[in-house]
C-alpha cells in the first residue's frame, strides 16, 4: 500500500490545487453566462476551442518527452535547456505563421477585421503557455507539487480578477476574457522561468533534441486527434446545424452561435470528472515511470485502475443525479446561478460528457505500458481513429439531435480510444486490468441514472430518490471494487 499512498498523496496535492483553481476559474462561468448572451459566449467557446487545437501543435509533445528523458537527473539540465530553447524557436515561428494566416483563420472563429486584437491575444496566450510547459514538467518530475499548485492557482486568480475588473469596472466586452488570459499566462511563464533559471545552465544538445522530437512528434497527431474529440464539436454545431434545424430542435430565437454558447456552458459541468482525470494524470505519469522497473508494477497498476473507477463512478453519480440542483446554486458575490437560466436547456448532455471523461480516465490508466515500452507511435493511430469517429458521428447526429448528437459523438470517441489503447498496451506491457469488473462499474452508474425517474415517482421526492440512488450506487461500486489480497502491494 505504500506506493499507492504515494500516488494518492501526489494526486491529492494536484487534485486540491486543480479543484481550487477550477473552482475559482469556474466563477467565470456564472459571471460570463450572466453578462454575455449565448451567441457572444459561443464566440468565446470557438476561440478557446482553437487554442486547445493549436496548443498541441505549438508544444510538439515536449512535456511528455521531458518527463521521459529528464528523470535521469545527471542529464536533466541539458534536457531542460535543449527542450526549452527548442520550444522558444518553434513557438515564435508558429506565432508568426498564425499572424500571416489571420485573414483565413479569423472567420472560422466568427471574428472579423474589427476583432483582430482578440486574434492576436489568442496567439499571445499560445506563445506564453508553450514556454511554461517544460518548467511545469520539471516541477512535477521532482515532486514540487505544492509549488506547482501555487502557480496554477495564482494564474487563475490573476485571470479571474482581471475579468471582473475589465468587464465590471471598465465595461469591456468579450475582449476582456482574452486580455485577462494573456496577462495571466505571461505572468505565470515569467515566474516559472525565474524559478527554473538554474536549469538553463545545461548545454544545448542536438542528439537530445532529436531524441525528444522522435519521442514527442507522435503526440502531435495524437494531440490533434484529442483536440478534435474535445473541441471540434463547437465548430460542427456552428457550421453544420442549419437555422431551420435549430428552430425545430430548440424553438425560435436561437441561432447556431447561441446553441454553441449553451453547449459550451453545459459542457463545463463535466469539469468535475475532467478534474478527477487531470489530477490523476498529473500524479500518475511520474508515478508509473518511477515504478516501471518494479516486479510488482503490473499488479500495482491493476489496483490503481480499480480504485480510479470507484472514484469516477461515485463522482459520475453525484453530478449526473443532482445536475439540476447544481445549476440552481447561486453564487452570493456574483448574484448569479452556476449557469445562467438561458443555458439550462442543454443539461441533458451532461451525463454523456461525464461518461466520456470517465473513459478518458481509462485511457490515462492504459497509457502506462505505452510510455514504459516507448510505443508512443501507436498513439496517433488511436487518437486519429477517435477523431474520425467524432467527425463522422457529429456529421450524422448533429442535424437530427443537435447538442445531444455532439455529446454522444464525444462519448463514442473516448470509449473507442480507451478500448483501442487497452488492446495495444496490454500486448506490449501485460497488466490484468480486469476490464469486465470496470465495465460493470460503468453499468451500475448508468443503471442508477436510468432508474432515476421511477425512483422519484416511488419516493415522492426528487432529493430522497437521488440520495437513495447515490447510496445504492456507491455501495455496489465498493462491492465491485473488493479484491482479496489487493492491499498486499507495498
Protein backbone atom coordinates (compact mmCIF):
# COMPACT_ATOMS: atom_id res chain seq x y z
CA UNK A 1 0.00 0.00 0.00
CA UNK A 2 2.97 2.32 0.43
CA UNK A 3 3.25 3.01 -3.30
CA UNK A 4 -0.48 3.52 -3.65
CA UNK A 5 -0.34 6.01 -0.77
CA UNK A 6 2.49 7.85 -2.58
CA UNK A 7 0.31 8.11 -5.69
CA UNK A 8 -2.67 9.18 -3.59
CA UNK A 9 -0.61 11.85 -1.83
CA UNK A 10 0.55 13.44 -5.07
CA UNK A 11 -2.91 13.08 -6.58
CA UNK A 12 -4.46 14.89 -3.62
CA UNK A 13 -1.99 17.78 -3.86
CA UNK A 14 -2.53 18.16 -7.59
CA UNK A 15 -6.20 17.48 -7.05
CA UNK A 16 -6.75 20.05 -4.32
CA UNK A 17 -4.92 22.67 -6.35
CA UNK A 18 -6.77 21.72 -9.53
CA UNK A 19 -10.12 21.71 -7.77
CA UNK A 20 -9.34 25.04 -6.15
CA UNK A 21 -8.08 26.54 -9.39
CA UNK A 22 -11.00 25.15 -11.36
CA UNK A 23 -13.49 26.30 -8.73
CA UNK A 24 -12.06 29.81 -8.80
CA UNK A 25 -11.94 29.75 -12.59
CA UNK A 26 -15.43 28.28 -12.70
CA UNK A 27 -16.73 31.50 -11.17
CA UNK A 28 -16.24 32.89 -14.66
CA UNK A 29 -18.96 30.59 -15.99
CA UNK A 30 -21.85 32.09 -13.99
CA UNK A 31 -20.29 35.50 -14.50
CA UNK A 32 -19.89 35.17 -18.26
CA UNK A 33 -23.27 33.46 -18.77
CA UNK A 34 -24.85 36.30 -16.80
CA UNK A 35 -23.23 39.20 -18.69
CA UNK A 36 -22.88 37.68 -22.19
CA UNK A 37 -25.62 36.45 -24.47
CA UNK A 38 -25.36 32.82 -25.69
CA UNK A 39 -24.20 33.97 -29.12
CA UNK A 40 -21.34 36.01 -27.58
CA UNK A 41 -20.41 33.13 -25.30
CA UNK A 42 -20.41 30.91 -28.35
CA UNK A 43 -17.63 33.03 -29.90
CA UNK A 44 -15.60 32.69 -26.69
CA UNK A 45 -16.07 28.92 -26.91
CA UNK A 46 -14.93 28.83 -30.54
CA UNK A 47 -11.72 30.76 -29.78
CA UNK A 48 -10.83 28.56 -26.82
CA UNK A 49 -11.53 25.52 -28.98
CA UNK A 50 -8.98 26.91 -31.46
CA UNK A 51 -6.49 27.50 -28.63
CA UNK A 52 -6.84 23.91 -27.46
CA UNK A 53 -6.30 22.66 -31.01
CA UNK A 54 -3.29 24.88 -31.76
CA UNK A 55 -1.67 24.27 -28.37
CA UNK A 56 -0.99 20.69 -29.43
CA UNK A 57 0.96 21.86 -32.47
CA UNK A 58 2.87 24.50 -30.52
CA UNK A 59 4.09 22.13 -27.77
CA UNK A 60 5.32 19.27 -30.03
CA UNK A 61 4.82 16.67 -27.28
CA UNK A 62 7.75 18.13 -25.35
CA UNK A 63 6.06 17.79 -21.95
CA UNK A 64 5.96 14.01 -22.26
CA UNK A 65 9.46 13.93 -23.76
CA UNK A 66 10.82 15.89 -20.80
CA UNK A 67 9.18 13.55 -18.27
CA UNK A 68 10.68 10.62 -20.16
CA UNK A 69 14.30 11.81 -20.52
CA UNK A 70 14.83 14.22 -17.61
CA UNK A 71 14.20 11.52 -15.00
CA UNK A 72 17.95 10.88 -15.31
CA UNK A 73 18.88 13.82 -13.10
CA UNK A 74 22.51 13.83 -14.20
CA UNK A 75 21.37 14.90 -17.66
CA UNK A 76 18.28 16.88 -16.65
CA UNK A 77 19.82 20.34 -17.15
CA UNK A 78 20.89 19.56 -20.69
CA UNK A 79 17.43 18.17 -21.48
CA UNK A 80 15.73 21.20 -19.91
CA UNK A 81 17.76 23.79 -21.82
CA UNK A 82 17.53 21.93 -25.11
CA UNK A 83 13.77 21.49 -24.98
CA UNK A 84 13.07 24.96 -23.65
CA UNK A 85 15.13 26.71 -26.33
CA UNK A 86 13.67 24.42 -28.98
CA UNK A 87 10.14 25.34 -27.93
CA UNK A 88 11.04 29.04 -27.89
CA UNK A 89 12.07 28.86 -31.54
CA UNK A 90 9.14 26.68 -32.60
CA UNK A 91 6.52 28.80 -30.80
CA UNK A 92 7.88 32.04 -32.27
CA UNK A 93 7.82 30.71 -35.84
CA UNK A 94 4.30 29.30 -35.44
CA UNK A 95 3.03 32.53 -33.90
CA UNK A 96 4.32 34.45 -36.94
CA UNK A 97 2.63 31.99 -39.31
CA UNK A 98 -0.68 32.36 -37.47
CA UNK A 99 -0.43 36.12 -37.87
CA UNK A 100 0.12 35.72 -41.62
CA UNK A 101 -2.86 33.35 -41.91
CA UNK A 102 -5.25 35.59 -39.94
CA UNK A 103 -7.43 36.57 -42.96
CA UNK A 104 -8.32 32.90 -43.49
CA UNK A 105 -8.47 31.69 -39.88
CA UNK A 106 -10.37 34.52 -38.19
CA UNK A 107 -13.71 33.87 -39.98
CA UNK A 108 -13.69 30.27 -38.68
CA UNK A 109 -13.97 31.71 -35.15
CA UNK A 110 -16.66 34.26 -36.12
CA UNK A 111 -14.07 37.06 -35.89
CA UNK A 112 -13.89 39.98 -38.32
CA UNK A 113 -11.42 42.80 -39.00
CA UNK A 114 -12.75 44.77 -36.05
CA UNK A 115 -11.84 41.99 -33.62
CA UNK A 116 -8.27 41.35 -34.80
CA UNK A 117 -6.96 42.25 -31.32
CA UNK A 118 -8.71 39.17 -29.91
CA UNK A 119 -6.98 37.02 -32.52
CA UNK A 120 -3.58 38.49 -31.62
CA UNK A 121 -4.23 37.84 -27.93
CA UNK A 122 -5.07 34.24 -28.81
CA UNK A 123 -1.60 33.96 -30.39
CA UNK A 124 -0.03 35.52 -27.27
CA UNK A 125 -1.78 33.01 -24.99
CA UNK A 126 -0.46 30.13 -27.11
CA UNK A 127 3.10 31.52 -27.08
CA UNK A 128 3.27 32.05 -23.31
CA UNK A 129 1.60 28.74 -22.46
CA UNK A 130 4.06 26.88 -24.68
CA UNK A 131 7.03 28.34 -22.80
CA UNK A 132 5.61 27.19 -19.47
CA UNK A 133 5.29 23.53 -20.47
CA UNK A 134 8.83 22.35 -19.66
CA UNK A 135 9.20 24.30 -16.37
CA UNK A 136 5.88 22.90 -15.14
CA UNK A 137 7.00 19.40 -16.15
CA UNK A 138 10.21 19.88 -14.13
CA UNK A 139 8.19 20.77 -11.02
CA UNK A 140 6.10 17.61 -11.46
CA UNK A 141 9.12 15.41 -12.04
CA UNK A 142 10.91 16.49 -8.86
CA UNK A 143 7.63 16.33 -6.91
CA UNK A 144 7.46 20.03 -6.10
CA UNK A 145 3.72 19.60 -6.20
CA UNK A 146 2.88 22.42 -3.77
CA UNK A 147 4.82 24.97 -5.81
CA UNK A 148 3.13 23.64 -8.94
CA UNK A 149 -0.23 24.05 -7.23
CA UNK A 150 0.52 27.57 -6.05
CA UNK A 151 1.49 28.75 -9.52
CA UNK A 152 -1.56 27.20 -11.13
CA UNK A 153 -3.83 28.82 -8.56
CA UNK A 154 -2.08 32.18 -8.95
CA UNK A 155 -2.64 32.05 -12.70
CA UNK A 156 -6.36 31.54 -12.18
CA UNK A 157 -6.62 34.31 -9.58
CA UNK A 158 -4.99 36.83 -11.93
CA UNK A 159 -7.28 35.74 -14.76
CA UNK A 160 -10.38 35.93 -12.59
CA UNK A 161 -9.54 39.30 -11.07
CA UNK A 162 -8.84 40.90 -14.42
CA UNK A 163 -12.08 39.51 -15.87
CA UNK A 164 -14.11 41.15 -13.12
CA UNK A 165 -12.18 44.42 -13.31
CA UNK A 166 -12.24 44.80 -17.09
CA UNK A 167 -15.89 43.81 -17.51
CA UNK A 168 -17.50 45.31 -14.41
CA UNK A 169 -15.33 48.39 -13.88
CA UNK A 170 -14.36 49.28 -17.45
CA UNK A 171 -17.38 47.84 -19.24
CA UNK A 172 -15.40 45.81 -21.77
CA UNK A 173 -16.96 43.03 -23.84
CA UNK A 174 -15.60 39.58 -24.66
CA UNK A 175 -12.16 41.06 -25.41
CA UNK A 176 -11.72 41.30 -21.63
CA UNK A 177 -11.74 37.50 -21.42
CA UNK A 178 -8.64 37.25 -23.60
CA UNK A 179 -6.78 40.25 -22.18
CA UNK A 180 -7.11 38.68 -18.73
CA UNK A 181 -5.87 35.32 -20.02
CA UNK A 182 -2.84 36.66 -21.87
CA UNK A 183 -1.71 38.70 -18.84
CA UNK A 184 -2.16 35.71 -16.50
CA UNK A 185 -0.28 33.40 -18.88
CA UNK A 186 2.56 35.89 -19.32
CA UNK A 187 2.97 36.43 -15.58
CA UNK A 188 2.96 32.69 -14.86
CA UNK A 189 5.53 31.97 -17.56
CA UNK A 190 7.85 34.72 -16.30
CA UNK A 191 7.72 33.39 -12.72
CA UNK A 192 8.35 29.85 -13.93
CA UNK A 193 11.40 30.92 -15.92
CA UNK A 194 12.81 32.69 -12.86
CA UNK A 195 12.18 29.68 -10.60
CA UNK A 196 13.81 27.24 -13.00
CA UNK A 197 16.58 29.56 -14.25
CA UNK A 198 19.28 27.33 -12.75
CA UNK A 199 18.18 24.52 -15.10
CA UNK A 200 19.28 26.66 -18.06
CA UNK A 201 22.90 26.17 -17.00
CA UNK A 202 22.95 22.98 -19.03
CA UNK A 203 24.13 22.69 -22.63
CA UNK A 204 22.22 22.56 -25.88
CA UNK A 205 22.33 19.04 -27.28
CA UNK A 206 21.35 18.15 -30.84
CA UNK A 207 21.12 14.41 -30.00
CA UNK A 208 18.79 15.16 -27.08
CA UNK A 209 16.59 17.38 -29.25
CA UNK A 210 16.41 14.77 -32.00
CA UNK A 211 15.56 12.07 -29.44
CA UNK A 212 12.91 14.31 -27.83
CA UNK A 213 11.38 15.08 -31.22
CA UNK A 214 11.30 11.39 -32.13
CA UNK A 215 9.54 10.66 -28.85
CA UNK A 216 7.30 13.72 -28.86
CA UNK A 217 6.26 14.06 -32.52
CA UNK A 218 3.75 11.19 -32.30
CA UNK A 219 1.98 13.27 -29.68
CA UNK A 220 1.16 15.95 -32.28
CA UNK A 221 -1.30 13.88 -34.34
CA UNK A 222 -2.36 12.22 -31.09
CA UNK A 223 -2.96 15.61 -29.52
CA UNK A 224 -4.67 16.93 -32.65
CA UNK A 225 -6.96 13.92 -32.50
CA UNK A 226 -7.66 14.67 -28.84
CA UNK A 227 -8.38 18.32 -29.64
CA UNK A 228 -10.76 17.23 -32.40
CA UNK A 229 -12.56 14.97 -29.94
CA UNK A 230 -12.67 17.69 -27.31
CA UNK A 231 -13.32 20.87 -29.26
CA UNK A 232 -14.35 20.34 -32.89
CA UNK A 233 -17.99 19.78 -31.94
CA UNK A 234 -18.33 23.54 -31.36
CA UNK A 235 -17.35 24.21 -34.96
CA UNK A 236 -19.70 21.49 -36.22
CA UNK A 237 -22.61 22.94 -34.23
CA UNK A 238 -21.80 26.41 -35.53
CA UNK A 239 -21.42 25.44 -39.18
CA UNK A 240 -23.47 22.26 -39.76
CA UNK A 241 -26.58 22.97 -37.68
CA UNK A 242 -28.87 24.89 -40.00
CA UNK A 243 -31.16 27.68 -38.74
CA UNK A 244 -34.17 25.50 -39.63
CA UNK A 245 -32.76 22.61 -37.59
CA UNK A 246 -32.09 24.99 -34.67
CA UNK A 247 -35.71 26.17 -34.76
CA UNK A 248 -37.02 22.61 -34.99
CA UNK A 249 -34.91 21.42 -32.06
CA UNK A 250 -34.90 24.44 -29.74
CA UNK A 251 -37.63 26.79 -30.91
CA UNK A 252 -37.45 30.32 -32.27
CA UNK A 253 -34.98 32.90 -31.02
CA UNK A 254 -31.89 30.70 -31.21
CA UNK A 255 -29.00 30.82 -33.69
CA UNK A 256 -26.21 28.29 -34.26
CA UNK A 257 -23.85 30.59 -32.30
CA UNK A 258 -26.32 30.61 -29.41
CA UNK A 259 -26.51 26.80 -29.46
CA UNK A 260 -22.70 26.70 -29.30
CA UNK A 261 -22.87 29.03 -26.29
CA UNK A 262 -25.41 26.79 -24.49
CA UNK A 263 -23.41 23.68 -25.34
CA UNK A 264 -20.15 25.28 -24.20
CA UNK A 265 -21.67 26.32 -20.86
CA UNK A 266 -23.24 22.92 -20.10
CA UNK A 267 -20.09 21.15 -21.26
CA UNK A 268 -18.31 22.84 -18.37
CA UNK A 269 -20.42 20.89 -15.88
CA UNK A 270 -18.43 17.83 -16.92
CA UNK A 271 -15.44 19.64 -15.43
CA UNK A 272 -15.92 17.63 -12.23
CA UNK A 273 -14.96 14.38 -13.98
CA UNK A 274 -12.29 16.13 -16.00
CA UNK A 275 -10.78 17.39 -12.75
CA UNK A 276 -10.54 13.87 -11.40
CA UNK A 277 -8.84 12.70 -14.59
CA UNK A 278 -6.45 15.64 -14.73
CA UNK A 279 -5.36 15.48 -11.12
CA UNK A 280 -4.88 11.73 -11.52
CA UNK A 281 -2.82 12.24 -14.69
CA UNK A 282 -0.55 14.81 -13.03
CA UNK A 283 0.47 12.30 -10.37
CA UNK A 284 0.11 9.14 -12.48
CA UNK A 285 2.64 9.83 -15.25
CA UNK A 286 5.65 10.49 -12.97
CA UNK A 287 4.44 7.67 -10.66
CA UNK A 288 4.36 4.88 -13.23
CA UNK A 289 7.70 5.98 -14.67
CA UNK A 290 9.31 5.81 -11.20
CA UNK A 291 7.93 2.32 -10.60
CA UNK A 292 8.21 0.94 -14.11
CA UNK A 293 11.10 -1.37 -13.17
CA UNK A 294 9.35 -2.85 -10.11
CA UNK A 295 8.48 -6.53 -10.35
CA UNK A 296 5.05 -5.83 -8.87
CA UNK A 297 4.27 -2.91 -11.17
CA UNK A 298 1.58 -4.75 -13.24
CA UNK A 299 -0.34 -5.68 -10.08
CA UNK A 300 0.10 -2.15 -8.77
CA UNK A 301 -1.26 -0.65 -12.00
CA UNK A 302 -4.23 -3.04 -11.89
CA UNK A 303 -5.16 -1.88 -8.40
CA UNK A 304 -4.77 1.78 -9.35
CA UNK A 305 -7.22 1.24 -12.23
CA UNK A 306 -9.77 -0.40 -9.96
CA UNK A 307 -9.66 2.37 -7.36
CA UNK A 308 -9.84 5.01 -10.09
CA UNK A 309 -13.11 3.50 -11.34
CA UNK A 310 -14.65 3.60 -7.87
CA UNK A 311 -13.84 7.30 -7.55
CA UNK A 312 -15.06 8.02 -11.10
CA UNK A 313 -18.30 6.12 -10.53
CA UNK A 314 -19.16 7.99 -7.33
CA UNK A 315 -18.36 11.31 -8.98
CA UNK A 316 -20.48 10.42 -12.02
CA UNK A 317 -23.49 9.66 -9.83
CA UNK A 318 -23.00 12.76 -7.67
CA UNK A 319 -23.08 15.10 -10.67
CA UNK A 320 -25.46 13.30 -13.05
CA UNK A 321 -28.15 12.72 -10.42
CA UNK A 322 -28.02 16.23 -8.98
CA UNK A 323 -27.23 18.28 -12.10
CA UNK A 324 -30.50 20.24 -11.99
CA UNK A 325 -29.87 21.15 -8.35
CA UNK A 326 -26.24 22.05 -9.04
CA UNK A 327 -27.04 24.65 -11.70
CA UNK A 328 -29.54 26.34 -9.36
CA UNK A 329 -26.85 27.09 -6.78
CA UNK A 330 -26.44 30.85 -6.51
CA UNK A 331 -23.01 32.44 -6.22
CA UNK A 332 -23.54 35.08 -3.48
CA UNK A 333 -20.87 37.52 -4.61
CA UNK A 334 -21.96 37.41 -8.23
CA UNK A 335 -25.69 37.13 -7.52
CA UNK A 336 -25.89 34.61 -10.37
CA UNK A 337 -26.59 30.91 -10.83
CA UNK A 338 -23.82 28.39 -11.54
CA UNK A 339 -25.02 28.65 -15.12
CA UNK A 340 -27.44 31.30 -16.35
CA UNK A 341 -31.06 30.18 -16.85
CA UNK A 342 -30.80 30.75 -20.59
CA UNK A 343 -28.33 27.86 -20.74
CA UNK A 344 -30.27 25.20 -18.76
CA UNK A 345 -31.86 23.79 -21.91
CA UNK A 346 -28.62 21.87 -22.52
CA UNK A 347 -28.38 19.97 -19.21
CA UNK A 348 -29.38 16.66 -20.82
CA UNK A 349 -25.91 16.39 -22.39
CA UNK A 350 -24.06 16.38 -19.04
CA UNK A 351 -24.26 12.61 -18.21
CA UNK A 352 -22.91 11.73 -21.67
CA UNK A 353 -19.95 14.06 -21.23
CA UNK A 354 -19.24 12.75 -17.73
CA UNK A 355 -19.15 9.25 -19.22
CA UNK A 356 -16.81 10.42 -21.97
CA UNK A 357 -14.33 11.76 -19.42
CA UNK A 358 -14.63 8.55 -17.40
CA UNK A 359 -13.41 6.66 -20.47
CA UNK A 360 -10.70 9.29 -20.86
CA UNK A 361 -9.54 8.25 -17.39
CA UNK A 362 -9.33 4.67 -18.64
CA UNK A 363 -7.14 5.92 -21.48
CA UNK A 364 -4.79 7.59 -18.98
CA UNK A 365 -4.51 4.38 -16.98
CA UNK A 366 -3.74 2.28 -20.05
CA UNK A 367 -1.08 4.74 -21.27
CA UNK A 368 1.41 3.45 -18.68
CA UNK A 369 2.57 0.48 -20.74
CA UNK A 370 2.85 2.59 -23.89
CA UNK A 371 5.13 5.11 -22.16
CA UNK A 372 7.24 2.50 -20.37
CA UNK A 373 7.88 0.49 -23.53
CA UNK A 374 8.26 3.65 -25.67
CA UNK A 375 5.47 2.57 -28.01
CA UNK A 376 4.15 6.12 -28.44
CA UNK A 377 3.94 5.69 -32.21
CA UNK A 378 0.61 3.91 -31.66
CA UNK A 379 -0.96 6.99 -30.05
CA UNK A 380 -1.56 8.94 -33.29
CA UNK A 381 -3.37 5.99 -34.83
CA UNK A 382 -5.64 5.59 -31.82
CA UNK A 383 -6.46 9.26 -31.36
CA UNK A 384 -6.96 9.82 -35.07
CA UNK A 385 -9.33 6.83 -35.09
CA UNK A 386 -11.17 8.54 -32.25
CA UNK A 387 -11.15 11.80 -34.21
CA UNK A 388 -12.64 10.02 -37.23
CA UNK A 389 -15.44 8.70 -35.04
CA UNK A 390 -16.00 12.21 -33.67
CA UNK A 391 -16.20 13.76 -37.15
CA UNK A 392 -18.46 11.08 -38.62
CA UNK A 393 -20.77 10.89 -35.60
CA UNK A 394 -21.11 14.69 -35.46
CA UNK A 395 -21.93 14.92 -39.15
CA UNK A 396 -24.55 12.18 -38.85
CA UNK A 397 -26.11 13.12 -35.50
CA UNK A 398 -26.00 16.93 -35.29
CA UNK A 399 -28.65 17.64 -37.97
CA UNK A 400 -31.14 15.44 -36.08
CA UNK A 401 -30.14 15.77 -32.42
CA UNK A 402 -28.10 18.97 -32.15
CA UNK A 403 -26.20 19.22 -28.87
CA UNK A 404 -27.19 15.69 -27.85
CA UNK A 405 -25.64 14.39 -31.07
CA UNK A 406 -22.34 16.14 -30.33
CA UNK A 407 -22.24 14.82 -26.75
CA UNK A 408 -22.98 11.28 -27.98
CA UNK A 409 -20.18 11.56 -30.54
CA UNK A 410 -17.76 12.57 -27.77
CA UNK A 411 -18.76 9.59 -25.63
CA UNK A 412 -18.36 7.12 -28.52
CA UNK A 413 -14.97 8.55 -29.43
CA UNK A 414 -13.47 8.39 -25.93
CA UNK A 415 -14.80 4.89 -25.34
CA UNK A 416 -13.32 3.65 -28.61
CA UNK A 417 -9.92 5.23 -27.89
CA UNK A 418 -9.77 3.74 -24.41
CA UNK A 419 -10.52 0.24 -25.67
CA UNK A 420 -8.07 0.50 -28.57
CA UNK A 421 -5.30 1.65 -26.22
CA UNK A 422 -6.16 -1.15 -23.78
CA UNK A 423 -5.72 -3.69 -26.56
CA UNK A 424 -2.30 -2.36 -27.56
CA UNK A 425 -0.99 -1.51 -24.09
CA UNK A 426 -1.67 -4.96 -22.63
CA UNK A 427 0.16 -6.54 -25.54
CA UNK A 428 3.42 -4.64 -25.02
CA UNK A 429 3.16 -4.44 -21.21
CA UNK A 430 0.80 -7.12 -19.82
CA UNK A 431 -1.44 -5.90 -17.00
CA UNK A 432 -4.61 -7.67 -15.87
CA UNK A 433 -6.84 -4.62 -15.70
CA UNK A 434 -9.99 -6.70 -15.10
CA UNK A 435 -11.92 -4.85 -17.76
CA UNK A 436 -15.10 -6.81 -17.07
CA UNK A 437 -15.16 -5.53 -13.49
CA UNK A 438 -14.63 -1.95 -14.70
CA UNK A 439 -17.41 -2.35 -17.27
CA UNK A 440 -19.79 -3.49 -14.54
CA UNK A 441 -18.98 -0.35 -12.55
CA UNK A 442 -19.97 1.81 -15.51
CA UNK A 443 -23.13 -0.27 -15.96
CA UNK A 444 -24.07 0.23 -12.29
CA UNK A 445 -23.66 4.01 -12.60
CA UNK A 446 -25.68 4.13 -15.83
CA UNK A 447 -28.43 1.92 -14.37
CA UNK A 448 -28.81 4.22 -11.36
CA UNK A 449 -29.30 7.15 -13.73
CA UNK A 450 -31.84 5.24 -15.84
CA UNK A 451 -33.78 4.34 -12.69
CA UNK A 452 -33.96 7.98 -11.56
CA UNK A 453 -37.48 8.81 -12.93
CA UNK A 454 -39.01 5.63 -11.46
CA UNK A 455 -37.26 6.17 -8.13
CA UNK A 456 -38.52 9.77 -7.93
CA UNK A 457 -42.08 8.57 -8.54
CA UNK A 458 -41.72 5.85 -5.90
CA UNK A 459 -40.06 8.05 -3.27
CA UNK A 460 -42.27 11.07 -3.90
CA UNK A 461 -39.28 13.39 -3.51
CA UNK A 462 -36.53 14.12 -6.01
CA UNK A 463 -33.95 14.72 -3.28
CA UNK A 464 -34.82 11.48 -1.46
CA UNK A 465 -34.70 9.47 -4.68
CA UNK A 466 -31.36 10.92 -5.74
CA UNK A 467 -29.76 10.35 -2.34
CA UNK A 468 -31.01 6.74 -2.28
CA UNK A 469 -29.64 6.11 -5.77
CA UNK A 470 -26.30 7.66 -4.81
CA UNK A 471 -26.05 5.43 -1.72
CA UNK A 472 -27.06 2.31 -3.63
CA UNK A 473 -24.64 3.07 -6.44
CA UNK A 474 -21.77 3.81 -4.04
CA UNK A 475 -22.40 0.55 -2.18
CA UNK A 476 -22.41 -1.50 -5.39
CA UNK A 477 -19.27 0.22 -6.69
CA UNK A 478 -17.50 -0.52 -3.42
CA UNK A 479 -18.65 -4.14 -3.60
CA UNK A 480 -17.34 -4.48 -7.15
CA UNK A 481 -14.00 -2.96 -6.14
CA UNK A 482 -13.30 -5.55 -3.47
CA UNK A 483 -10.46 -7.87 -4.37
CA UNK A 484 -8.87 -10.22 -1.89
CA UNK A 485 -5.14 -9.53 -1.47
CA UNK A 486 -5.26 -6.10 -3.17
CA UNK A 487 -3.61 -4.45 -0.18
CA UNK A 488 -0.59 -6.72 -0.34
CA UNK A 489 1.27 -4.44 -2.72
CA UNK A 490 3.78 -2.25 -0.87
